[in-house]
Amino acid sequence: MKVITAPLGAIGLLAMVYMCFLFANFSRRLGAVTKMKDHYRWFSLASGLVAVAATSQIIRATADLACEAPTFLGEPWFARLSFYVPLAAGGALALVLVWYYWGWILKEKIE
């Protein structure tokens, strides 16, 4: 079962990278209309960090399935450094940017 489900985590992360590219494009257009500062470029950094996490997920899943993989790929510090930290930083940055550009929708709904 592990062989079938191993790539699914990376597919979800790559979908998050694609969402960052979509939000960057939509935010660029919205910022041009409303004359906002150009913070949409930070979406590239956020999607890059999530792509690093996706790459780490693929490498760690492959190492888990392989018989003769380097031992450091299974260590918890490697997972923290290459997966959890970039994913948290990229997700938080994307969330802040989406809130900056699209938070007015919630404010309009509340008022």
C-alpha atoms as a PDB file:
ATOM      1  CA  MET A   1       0.000   0.000   0.000  1.00  0.00           C
ATOM      2  CA  LYS A   2       2.928   2.302   0.670  1.00  0.00           C
ATOM      3  CA  VAL A   3       3.970   2.111  -2.995  1.00  0.00           C
ATOM      4  CA  ILE A   4       0.581   3.351  -4.152  1.00  0.00           C
ATOM      5  CA  THR A   5       0.197   6.208  -1.666  1.00  0.00           C
ATOM      6  CA  ALA A   6       3.784   7.510  -1.635  1.00  0.00           C
ATOM      7  CA  PRO A   7       3.396   9.969  -4.561  1.00  0.00           C
ATOM      8  CA  LEU A   8       0.088  11.402  -3.342  1.00  0.00           C
ATOM      9  CA  GLY A   9       1.671  13.747  -0.790  1.00  0.00           C
ATOM     10  CA  ALA A  10       3.863  15.334  -3.421  1.00  0.00           C
ATOM     11  CA  ILE A  11       0.896  15.763  -5.769  1.00  0.00           C
ATOM     12  CA  GLY A  12      -0.914  17.776  -3.118  1.00  0.00           C
ATOM     13  CA  LEU A  13       2.122  19.966  -2.562  1.00  0.00           C
ATOM     14  CA  LEU A  14       2.523  20.554  -6.289  1.00  0.00           C
ATOM     15  CA  ALA A  15      -1.134  21.610  -6.364  1.00  0.00           C
ATOM     16  CA  MET A  16      -0.253  24.149  -3.677  1.00  0.00           C
ATOM     17  CA  VAL A  17       2.595  25.444  -5.872  1.00  0.00           C
ATOM     18  CA  TYR A  18       0.131  25.844  -8.736  1.00  0.00           C
ATOM     19  CA  MET A  19      -2.264  27.721  -6.432  1.00  0.00           C
ATOM     20  CA  CYS A  20       0.564  30.102  -5.522  1.00  0.00           C
ATOM     21  CA  PHE A  21       1.126  30.818  -9.218  1.00  0.00           C
ATOM     22  CA  LEU A  22      -2.600  31.439  -9.705  1.00  0.00           C
ATOM     23  CA  PHE A  23      -2.771  33.763  -6.711  1.00  0.00           C
ATOM     24  CA  ALA A  24       0.308  35.623  -7.962  1.00  0.00           C
ATOM     25  CA  ASN A  25      -1.327  36.233 -11.327  1.00  0.00           C
ATOM     26  CA  PHE A  26      -4.686  37.257  -9.850  1.00  0.00           C
ATOM     27  CA  SER A  27      -3.007  39.474  -7.252  1.00  0.00           C
ATOM     28  CA  ARG A  28      -0.884  41.143  -9.920  1.00  0.00           C
ATOM     29  CA  ARG A  29      -4.020  42.003 -11.870  1.00  0.00           C
ATOM     30  CA  LEU A  30      -5.888  43.194  -8.780  1.00  0.00           C
ATOM     31  CA  GLY A  31      -2.894  45.245  -7.664  1.00  0.00           C
ATOM     32  CA  ALA A  32      -2.657  46.912 -11.067  1.00  0.00           C
ATOM     33  CA  VAL A  33      -6.303  47.941 -10.915  1.00  0.00           C
ATOM     34  CA  THR A  34      -6.265  49.152  -7.313  1.00  0.00           C
ATOM     35  CA  LYS A  35      -2.725  50.632  -7.443  1.00  0.00           C
ATOM     36  CA  MET A  36      -1.449  48.441  -4.600  1.00  0.00           C
ATOM     37  CA  LYS A  37       2.216  47.842  -3.934  1.00  0.00           C
ATOM     38  CA  ASP A  38       3.835  45.005  -5.866  1.00  0.00           C
ATOM     39  CA  HIS A  39       3.976  42.365  -3.158  1.00  0.00           C
ATOM     40  CA  TYR A  40       2.706  39.644  -5.488  1.00  0.00           C
ATOM     41  CA  ARG A  41       6.303  38.805  -6.423  1.00  0.00           C
ATOM     42  CA  TRP A  42       6.726  37.174  -3.015  1.00  0.00           C
ATOM     43  CA  PHE A  43       4.409  34.411  -4.216  1.00  0.00           C
ATOM     44  CA  SER A  44       7.390  33.123  -6.232  1.00  0.00           C
ATOM     45  CA  LEU A  45       9.362  32.645  -3.022  1.00  0.00           C
ATOM     46  CA  ALA A  46       6.391  30.951  -1.360  1.00  0.00           C
ATOM     47  CA  SER A  47       5.907  28.573  -4.283  1.00  0.00           C
ATOM     48  CA  GLY A  48       9.649  27.871  -4.358  1.00  0.00           C
ATOM     49  CA  LEU A  49       9.638  26.923  -0.682  1.00  0.00           C
ATOM     50  CA  VAL A  50       6.666  24.630  -1.177  1.00  0.00           C
ATOM     51  CA  ALA A  51       8.413  23.108  -4.215  1.00  0.00           C
ATOM     52  CA  VAL A  52      11.435  22.377  -1.995  1.00  0.00           C
ATOM     53  CA  ALA A  53       9.088  20.607   0.425  1.00  0.00           C
ATOM     54  CA  ALA A  54       7.537  18.634  -2.455  1.00  0.00           C
ATOM     55  CA  THR A  55      10.976  17.603  -3.681  1.00  0.00           C
ATOM     56  CA  SER A  56      11.898  16.521  -0.175  1.00  0.00           C
ATOM     57  CA  GLN A  57       8.688  14.518   0.055  1.00  0.00           C
ATOM     58  CA  ILE A  58       9.507  12.707  -3.187  1.00  0.00           C
ATOM     59  CA  ILE A  59      13.089  11.997  -2.116  1.00  0.00           C
ATOM     60  CA  ARG A  60      12.106  10.782   1.344  1.00  0.00           C
ATOM     61  CA  ALA A  61       9.296   8.574  -0.023  1.00  0.00           C
ATOM     62  CA  THR A  62      11.656   7.067  -2.575  1.00  0.00           C
ATOM     63  CA  ALA A  63      14.292   6.457   0.095  1.00  0.00           C
ATOM     64  CA  ASP A  64      11.679   4.828   2.305  1.00  0.00           C
ATOM     65  CA  LEU A  65      10.760   2.418  -0.484  1.00  0.00           C
ATOM     66  CA  ALA A  66      14.359   1.713  -1.555  1.00  0.00           C
ATOM     67  CA  CYS A  67      16.426  -1.007   0.013  1.00  0.00           C
ATOM     68  CA  GLU A  68      19.800   0.720  -0.041  1.00  0.00           C
ATOM     69  CA  ALA A  69      19.157   4.388   0.672  1.00  0.00           C
ATOM     70  CA  PRO A  70      21.442   6.748   2.612  1.00  0.00           C
ATOM     71  CA  THR A  71      20.549   6.661   6.289  1.00  0.00           C
ATOM     72  CA  PHE A  72      20.328  10.442   6.752  1.00  0.00           C
ATOM     73  CA  LEU A  73      17.232  10.552   4.500  1.00  0.00           C
ATOM     74  CA  GLY A  74      15.238   8.773   7.181  1.00  0.00           C
ATOM     75  CA  GLU A  75      16.431  10.935  10.057  1.00  0.00           C
ATOM     76  CA  PRO A  76      13.937  13.306  11.730  1.00  0.00           C
ATOM     77  CA  TRP A  77      16.278  16.309  11.462  1.00  0.00           C
ATOM     78  CA  PHE A  78      16.406  15.883   7.676  1.00  0.00           C
ATOM     79  CA  ALA A  79      12.614  15.861   7.479  1.00  0.00           C
ATOM     80  CA  ARG A  80      12.386  18.954   9.660  1.00  0.00           C
ATOM     81  CA  LEU A  81      15.023  20.868   7.724  1.00  0.00           C
ATOM     82  CA  SER A  82      13.999  19.921   4.196  1.00  0.00           C
ATOM     83  CA  PHE A  83      10.230  19.424   4.495  1.00  0.00           C
ATOM     84  CA  TYR A  84       8.540  20.984   7.513  1.00  0.00           C
ATOM     85  CA  VAL A  85      10.435  24.288   7.688  1.00  0.00           C
ATOM     86  CA  PRO A  86      10.090  25.175   3.958  1.00  0.00           C
ATOM     87  CA  LEU A  87       6.461  24.058   3.930  1.00  0.00           C
ATOM     88  CA  ALA A  88       5.565  26.135   6.984  1.00  0.00           C
ATOM     89  CA  ALA A  89       7.454  29.192   5.720  1.00  0.00           C
ATOM     90  CA  GLY A  90       5.998  28.958   2.202  1.00  0.00           C
ATOM     91  CA  GLY A  91       2.470  28.336   3.436  1.00  0.00           C
ATOM     92  CA  ALA A  92       2.623  31.182   5.953  1.00  0.00           C
ATOM     93  CA  LEU A  93       4.035  33.598   3.365  1.00  0.00           C
ATOM     94  CA  ALA A  94       1.339  32.650   0.857  1.00  0.00           C
ATOM     95  CA  LEU A  95      -1.351  33.057   3.513  1.00  0.00           C
ATOM     96  CA  VAL A  96      -0.116  36.519   4.476  1.00  0.00           C
ATOM     97  CA  LEU A  97       0.016  37.610   0.849  1.00  0.00           C
ATOM     98  CA  VAL A  98      -3.437  36.257   0.078  1.00  0.00           C
ATOM     99  CA  TRP A  99      -4.795  38.057   3.124  1.00  0.00           C
ATOM    100  CA  TYR A 100      -3.087  41.289   2.015  1.00  0.00           C
ATOM    101  CA  TYR A 101      -4.561  41.208  -1.483  1.00  0.00           C
ATOM    102  CA  TRP A 102      -7.875  39.474  -0.902  1.00  0.00           C
ATOM    103  CA  GLY A 103      -8.765  40.349   2.703  1.00  0.00           C
ATOM    104  CA  TRP A 104     -11.110  43.068   1.501  1.00  0.00           C
ATOM    105  CA  ILE A 105     -13.609  40.372   0.482  1.00  0.00           C
ATOM    106  CA  LEU A 106     -14.112  39.343   4.113  1.00  0.00           C
ATOM    107  CA  LYS A 107     -14.271  42.963   5.240  1.00  0.00           C
ATOM    108  CA  GLU A 108     -17.024  43.675   2.701  1.00  0.00           C
ATOM    109  CA  LYS A 109     -18.948  40.601   3.814  1.00  0.00           C
ATOM    110  CA  ILE A 110     -18.765  41.639   7.479  1.00  0.00           C
ATOM    111  CA  GLU A 111     -19.923  45.211   6.866  1.00  0.00           C
END
